[in-house]
C-alpha cells in the first residue's frame, strides 16, 4: 500500500512536470527569438544591458511566484493538525544522539543499499527528464516554431505518469513492490542499451507533433522505467527499521543528491565525445556524446535490479 500511496502523489508531481515546461515555454520563452546571441551582439552597450536585464527579469518572475506559493503551502503544513508518528515504542532510540542513531541505522544493509539505489535511480530520473531537450536540440527536433525540443521533457513526464497509474492499478494486488522494481531495472537496462545502439537517423511520425528520432522516444520511455522506483525503494529500505525509521528516512532522502551530481558527469562525457568527434571530423557519422553518455545510466539500472532481487532482503552485514 505504501507504493500505491506514493504513486498517487507521484502522479500529481509528474503532471506538474508535464504542464510546467509547456507553461514555461508559452509564458517565459515565447519571445526568446528576440534575445539571440546575434541580435544582442548588434546592440550598443546601453541597449544590450537593458535587453539582458529584461531577459533576467522575465526568467526570474515565475520562480519568485513559485517560491511564494511554496512558502504559503509550508505554512499550511506547519499549522495543520498532523499527528506525530512514534515508531520507537520501546524507547530504545529516542534517547540516543543523532550521530549514534545514524551509526546504528547504517548497520541495516537494506537501508544502505536503499540509499545507494535511490541515489542512482534519481540520477537516471533527472537525466531522462533534463537531458532529452538538449539531445533533441542536437538532433534538430525544432518543429514549426523552432523550440519543440523544449517540450520533450513533457514526454518523459507523461511516461512516468503512465508508470504511476500502472503502479496504483497493479501494486500490491497483482505485483509486489519487489517485482515491480525488478521490472523497472530490466526495462531500464534494455532502454539504455537501445538508446546507445539505435541510429538517431531512424525517425517516427506521431499525430500532431514533428517527426521524432526513435531514440528520443526511447529516452522518454526511461520515465516509464523510473516511475515505480521511488515508491518501491522507500518502503523496502525502511522495512524493519523500527525506531530508526525517522533517521533512516532522513538518510534516505539525502540520496537525491544523485540528481545533482550525475548530470555533471553526463555533461562532461557529452562534451568530451563531441569535441573528439569534431576534432576527428566524424561528427556527421559518429554517435554524438549526447547519445553515448546515456551508457552511464547502465550501472544505475543494474543496481536497481540487484536491490529488487537481493539487496532489500539483507538484514545484517
Protein backbone atom coordinates (compact mmCIF):
# COMPACT_ATOMS: atom_id res chain seq x y z
CA UNK A 1 0.00 0.00 0.00
CA UNK A 2 2.91 2.39 0.61
CA UNK A 3 3.92 2.16 -3.05
CA UNK A 4 0.34 2.85 -4.12
CA UNK A 5 0.07 5.97 -1.96
CA UNK A 6 3.42 7.29 -3.16
CA UNK A 7 2.35 6.58 -6.76
CA UNK A 8 -0.76 8.75 -6.26
CA UNK A 9 1.45 11.62 -5.10
CA UNK A 10 3.81 10.87 -7.94
CA UNK A 11 1.04 11.42 -10.47
CA UNK A 12 0.45 14.91 -9.08
CA UNK A 13 4.18 15.59 -9.15
CA UNK A 14 4.69 14.40 -12.73
CA UNK A 15 1.54 16.06 -14.04
CA UNK A 16 3.09 19.28 -12.82
CA UNK A 17 6.30 18.22 -14.55
CA UNK A 18 4.29 17.70 -17.75
CA UNK A 19 2.50 21.03 -17.58
CA UNK A 20 5.39 23.18 -16.33
CA UNK A 21 7.61 23.01 -19.46
CA UNK A 22 4.62 23.84 -21.66
CA UNK A 23 3.58 26.78 -19.49
CA UNK A 24 7.17 27.96 -19.12
CA UNK A 25 7.69 27.80 -22.87
CA UNK A 26 4.47 29.70 -23.58
CA UNK A 27 4.81 32.40 -20.93
CA UNK A 28 8.54 32.85 -20.50
CA UNK A 29 10.27 31.62 -23.64
CA UNK A 30 7.74 32.70 -26.25
CA UNK A 31 9.83 35.69 -27.35
CA UNK A 32 13.29 34.16 -26.93
CA UNK A 33 13.95 34.82 -30.62
CA UNK A 34 14.37 38.47 -29.60
CA UNK A 35 17.29 37.55 -27.34
CA UNK A 36 19.51 35.55 -29.68
CA UNK A 37 23.26 36.00 -29.37
CA UNK A 38 23.44 37.58 -32.83
CA UNK A 39 20.79 40.19 -32.08
CA UNK A 40 22.25 41.09 -28.69
CA UNK A 41 25.73 41.41 -30.21
CA UNK A 42 24.41 44.10 -32.59
CA UNK A 43 23.15 46.32 -29.74
CA UNK A 44 25.09 49.14 -28.16
CA UNK A 45 26.20 48.77 -24.55
CA UNK A 46 23.14 50.50 -23.04
CA UNK A 47 20.62 48.62 -25.17
CA UNK A 48 22.47 45.36 -24.53
CA UNK A 49 22.33 45.94 -20.77
CA UNK A 50 18.61 46.74 -20.95
CA UNK A 51 17.91 43.64 -23.05
CA UNK A 52 19.81 41.35 -20.67
CA UNK A 53 18.08 42.88 -17.63
CA UNK A 54 14.71 42.37 -19.31
CA UNK A 55 15.58 38.74 -20.07
CA UNK A 56 16.72 38.14 -16.48
CA UNK A 57 13.52 39.63 -15.08
CA UNK A 58 11.46 37.56 -17.48
CA UNK A 59 13.13 34.39 -16.19
CA UNK A 60 13.11 35.35 -12.51
CA UNK A 61 9.47 36.30 -12.12
CA UNK A 62 7.98 32.75 -12.39
CA UNK A 63 10.41 31.45 -9.76
CA UNK A 64 9.50 34.28 -7.39
CA UNK A 65 5.84 33.30 -7.72
CA UNK A 66 6.67 29.62 -7.17
CA UNK A 67 8.72 30.48 -4.08
CA UNK A 68 5.80 32.45 -2.63
CA UNK A 69 3.36 29.60 -3.26
CA UNK A 70 5.73 27.09 -1.61
CA UNK A 71 6.07 29.35 1.44
CA UNK A 72 2.29 29.53 1.79
CA UNK A 73 1.95 25.75 1.45
CA UNK A 74 4.71 25.22 4.04
CA UNK A 75 2.82 27.47 6.44
CA UNK A 76 -0.36 25.44 5.91
CA UNK A 77 1.53 22.19 6.64
CA UNK A 78 3.06 23.72 9.77
CA UNK A 79 -0.36 24.74 11.09
CA UNK A 80 -2.16 21.54 10.08
CA UNK A 81 -3.10 19.06 12.85
CA UNK A 82 -0.99 16.20 11.52
CA UNK A 83 -0.27 13.54 14.17
CA UNK A 84 3.31 12.78 15.22
CA UNK A 85 4.17 9.18 14.31
CA UNK A 86 6.11 7.36 17.04
CA UNK A 87 7.71 4.11 15.89
CA UNK A 88 10.07 3.89 18.87
CA UNK A 89 7.60 2.00 21.03
CA UNK A 90 10.23 0.64 23.41
CA UNK A 91 12.07 3.95 23.78
CA UNK A 92 15.39 2.42 22.72
CA UNK A 93 16.24 5.08 20.13
CA UNK A 94 14.82 8.38 21.31
CA UNK A 95 17.49 8.93 23.98
CA UNK A 96 20.38 8.34 21.55
CA UNK A 97 22.27 11.20 19.93
CA UNK A 98 21.76 11.82 16.22
CA UNK A 99 25.26 10.53 15.47
CA UNK A 100 24.59 7.31 17.36
CA UNK A 101 21.28 6.86 15.55
CA UNK A 102 22.99 7.33 12.18
CA UNK A 103 25.72 4.85 13.14
CA UNK A 104 23.18 2.24 14.21
CA UNK A 105 21.00 2.86 11.16
CA UNK A 106 23.93 2.15 8.85
CA UNK A 107 24.13 -1.32 10.39
CA UNK A 108 20.96 -2.14 8.40
CA UNK A 109 22.03 -3.32 4.92
CA UNK A 110 18.56 -2.79 3.45
CA UNK A 111 18.87 0.91 4.28
CA UNK A 112 22.44 1.35 2.99
CA UNK A 113 21.70 -0.46 -0.26
CA UNK A 114 18.46 1.52 -0.46
CA UNK A 115 20.30 4.85 -0.20
CA UNK A 116 22.75 3.82 -2.95
CA UNK A 117 19.92 2.57 -5.16
CA UNK A 118 17.88 5.72 -4.60
CA UNK A 119 20.87 7.93 -5.46
CA UNK A 120 21.49 6.06 -8.71
CA UNK A 121 17.79 5.96 -9.59
CA UNK A 122 17.44 9.72 -9.06
CA UNK A 123 20.36 10.29 -11.41
CA UNK A 124 18.51 8.26 -14.07
CA UNK A 125 15.24 10.13 -13.48
CA UNK A 126 16.83 13.58 -13.64
CA UNK A 127 18.87 12.77 -16.74
CA UNK A 128 15.88 11.26 -18.55
CA UNK A 129 13.91 14.46 -18.00
CA UNK A 130 16.58 17.14 -18.21
CA UNK A 131 18.84 15.85 -20.98
CA UNK A 132 16.17 14.92 -23.50
CA UNK A 133 15.69 18.55 -24.53
CA UNK A 134 19.39 19.11 -25.23
CA UNK A 135 19.54 15.78 -27.05
CA UNK A 136 16.52 16.76 -29.13
CA UNK A 137 18.11 20.10 -29.99
CA UNK A 138 21.31 18.37 -31.01
CA UNK A 139 19.27 16.11 -33.32
CA UNK A 140 17.37 19.06 -34.82
CA UNK A 141 13.95 18.48 -33.24
CA UNK A 142 12.80 22.09 -33.71
CA UNK A 143 9.24 21.84 -35.05
CA UNK A 144 7.42 24.66 -36.83
CA UNK A 145 8.08 27.22 -34.07
CA UNK A 146 11.73 26.27 -33.69
CA UNK A 147 11.51 25.31 -30.00
CA UNK A 148 9.78 21.91 -29.88
CA UNK A 149 12.84 20.38 -28.21
CA UNK A 150 11.96 22.44 -25.11
CA UNK A 151 8.75 20.41 -24.76
CA UNK A 152 10.39 16.99 -24.86
CA UNK A 153 10.66 16.83 -21.06
CA UNK A 154 6.87 16.53 -21.05
CA UNK A 155 7.21 13.23 -22.94
CA UNK A 156 9.35 11.80 -20.14
CA UNK A 157 6.92 13.09 -17.50
CA UNK A 158 3.98 11.55 -19.39
CA UNK A 159 5.73 8.17 -19.42
CA UNK A 160 6.24 8.46 -15.66
CA UNK A 161 2.55 9.22 -15.13
CA UNK A 162 1.68 6.08 -17.09
CA UNK A 163 4.03 4.14 -14.82
CA UNK A 164 2.42 5.59 -11.69
CA UNK A 165 -1.04 4.63 -12.94
CA UNK A 166 0.19 1.09 -13.58
CA UNK A 167 1.63 1.05 -10.04
CA UNK A 168 -1.67 2.13 -8.50
CA UNK A 169 -3.52 -0.49 -10.55
CA UNK A 170 -1.17 -3.44 -10.11
CA UNK A 171 0.53 -2.98 -6.70
CA UNK A 172 0.01 -4.89 -4.40
CA UNK A 173 -2.95 -6.78 -5.83
CA UNK A 174 -1.15 -8.24 -8.83
CA UNK A 175 2.50 -7.29 -8.30
CA UNK A 176 4.70 -6.98 -5.26
CA UNK A 177 6.90 -3.92 -4.80
CA UNK A 178 9.98 -6.06 -5.37
CA UNK A 179 8.61 -7.50 -8.63
CA UNK A 180 7.69 -4.03 -9.89
CA UNK A 181 11.20 -2.80 -9.09
CA UNK A 182 12.71 -5.78 -10.90
CA UNK A 183 10.68 -4.83 -13.96
CA UNK A 184 11.96 -1.26 -13.71
CA UNK A 185 15.56 -2.44 -13.60
CA UNK A 186 15.21 -4.80 -16.56
CA UNK A 187 13.33 -2.22 -18.66
CA UNK A 188 15.92 0.44 -17.85
CA UNK A 189 18.81 -1.81 -18.91
CA UNK A 190 17.09 -2.65 -22.22
CA UNK A 191 16.29 1.00 -22.95
CA UNK A 192 19.79 2.28 -22.17
CA UNK A 193 21.37 -0.31 -24.48
CA UNK A 194 18.84 0.51 -27.21
CA UNK A 195 19.45 4.26 -26.84
CA UNK A 196 23.19 3.99 -27.45
CA UNK A 197 22.88 1.43 -30.28
CA UNK A 198 19.97 2.70 -32.42
CA UNK A 199 20.78 5.20 -35.17
CA UNK A 200 19.45 8.71 -34.47
CA UNK A 201 18.52 8.92 -38.15
CA UNK A 202 15.63 6.47 -37.70
CA UNK A 203 12.53 8.67 -37.49
CA UNK A 204 8.90 8.17 -36.50
CA UNK A 205 5.90 10.35 -37.23
CA UNK A 206 3.27 10.65 -34.50
CA UNK A 207 -0.01 12.57 -34.87
CA UNK A 208 0.16 16.28 -34.09
CA UNK A 209 3.90 16.55 -33.49
CA UNK A 210 7.00 16.95 -35.68
CA UNK A 211 8.90 13.85 -36.86
CA UNK A 212 10.97 12.48 -33.99
CA UNK A 213 14.05 10.27 -33.89
CA UNK A 214 13.09 6.92 -32.34
CA UNK A 215 15.97 7.29 -29.91
CA UNK A 216 14.26 10.38 -28.42
CA UNK A 217 11.17 8.31 -27.65
CA UNK A 218 13.37 5.68 -26.02
CA UNK A 219 14.83 8.34 -23.72
CA UNK A 220 11.29 9.42 -22.87
CA UNK A 221 10.39 5.81 -22.08
CA UNK A 222 13.05 5.84 -19.37
CA UNK A 223 10.37 7.73 -17.46
CA UNK A 224 8.28 4.55 -17.51
CA UNK A 225 11.23 2.54 -16.17
CA UNK A 226 11.82 5.12 -13.44
CA UNK A 227 8.23 5.64 -12.33
CA UNK A 228 7.94 2.85 -9.76
CA UNK A 229 11.47 3.12 -8.34
CA UNK A 230 10.76 5.86 -5.79
CA UNK A 231 7.54 4.30 -4.41
CA UNK A 232 9.15 0.85 -4.26
CA UNK A 233 12.58 1.72 -2.83
CA UNK A 234 11.29 3.73 0.15
CA UNK A 235 9.16 1.07 1.87
CA UNK A 236 11.72 -1.63 1.07
CA UNK A 237 14.59 0.41 2.55
CA UNK A 238 12.66 1.37 5.69
CA UNK A 239 11.26 -2.08 6.39
CA UNK A 240 12.11 -3.46 9.83
CA UNK A 241 13.96 -0.30 10.95
CA UNK A 242 11.59 0.20 13.87
CA UNK A 243 12.67 3.19 15.95
CA UNK A 244 15.32 4.05 13.37
CA UNK A 245 12.71 4.72 10.68
CA UNK A 246 12.88 8.51 11.17
CA UNK A 247 16.65 8.77 10.93
CA UNK A 248 16.57 6.19 8.13
CA UNK A 249 14.14 8.39 6.19
CA UNK A 250 16.41 11.39 6.74
CA UNK A 251 19.39 9.44 5.41
CA UNK A 252 17.38 8.06 2.50
CA UNK A 253 16.19 11.47 1.33
CA UNK A 254 19.83 12.54 1.03
CA UNK A 255 20.08 10.07 -1.84
CA UNK A 256 18.53 12.68 -4.11
CA UNK A 257 21.98 14.24 -4.31
CA UNK A 258 22.47 11.85 -7.21
CA UNK A 259 20.26 14.13 -9.27
CA UNK A 260 22.72 16.98 -8.73
CA UNK A 261 25.99 15.10 -9.26
CA UNK A 262 25.43 12.71 -12.16
CA UNK A 263 24.18 15.31 -14.69
CA UNK A 264 27.59 16.97 -14.33
CA UNK A 265 29.27 13.75 -15.42
CA UNK A 266 26.76 13.41 -18.27
CA UNK A 267 27.67 16.91 -19.46
CA UNK A 268 31.39 16.19 -19.16
CA UNK A 269 31.13 12.93 -21.11
CA UNK A 270 28.93 14.59 -23.73
CA UNK A 271 31.33 17.48 -24.30
CA UNK A 272 34.39 15.23 -24.38
CA UNK A 273 32.94 12.89 -27.02
CA UNK A 274 31.50 15.73 -29.12
CA UNK A 275 34.80 17.61 -29.11
CA UNK A 276 36.62 14.40 -30.05
CA UNK A 277 34.22 13.85 -32.96
CA UNK A 278 34.70 17.42 -34.16
CA UNK A 279 38.48 17.14 -33.94
CA UNK A 280 38.37 13.92 -35.97
CA UNK A 281 35.85 15.35 -38.42
CA UNK A 282 33.41 12.47 -37.77
CA UNK A 283 30.56 14.36 -36.12
CA UNK A 284 28.30 13.61 -39.10
CA UNK A 285 28.85 9.85 -38.96
CA UNK A 286 29.68 9.04 -35.33
CA UNK A 287 27.31 8.75 -32.40
CA UNK A 288 27.16 12.04 -30.52
CA UNK A 289 28.24 12.43 -26.92
CA UNK A 290 24.62 13.29 -26.10
CA UNK A 291 23.66 9.76 -27.13
CA UNK A 292 26.61 7.70 -25.90
CA UNK A 293 26.65 9.40 -22.49
CA UNK A 294 23.40 7.62 -21.61
CA UNK A 295 25.51 4.50 -21.14
CA UNK A 296 26.47 5.91 -17.74
CA UNK A 297 22.94 5.01 -16.60
CA UNK A 298 23.57 1.29 -17.06
CA UNK A 299 25.06 0.83 -13.54
CA UNK A 300 22.02 2.64 -12.12
CA UNK A 301 19.58 0.11 -13.51
CA UNK A 302 21.85 -2.81 -12.66
CA UNK A 303 21.84 -1.61 -9.04
CA UNK A 304 18.07 -1.20 -9.13
CA UNK A 305 17.74 -4.77 -10.35
CA UNK A 306 20.15 -6.07 -7.68
CA UNK A 307 18.29 -4.26 -4.91
CA UNK A 308 14.94 -5.59 -6.12
CA UNK A 309 16.18 -9.18 -6.35
CA UNK A 310 18.55 -9.45 -3.37
CA UNK A 311 19.69 -6.20 -1.77
CA UNK A 312 16.46 -5.37 0.08
CA UNK A 313 16.41 -8.77 1.79
CA UNK A 314 19.63 -8.39 3.77
CA UNK A 315 19.20 -7.61 7.48
CA UNK A 316 22.79 -7.90 8.71
CA UNK A 317 26.27 -7.48 7.27
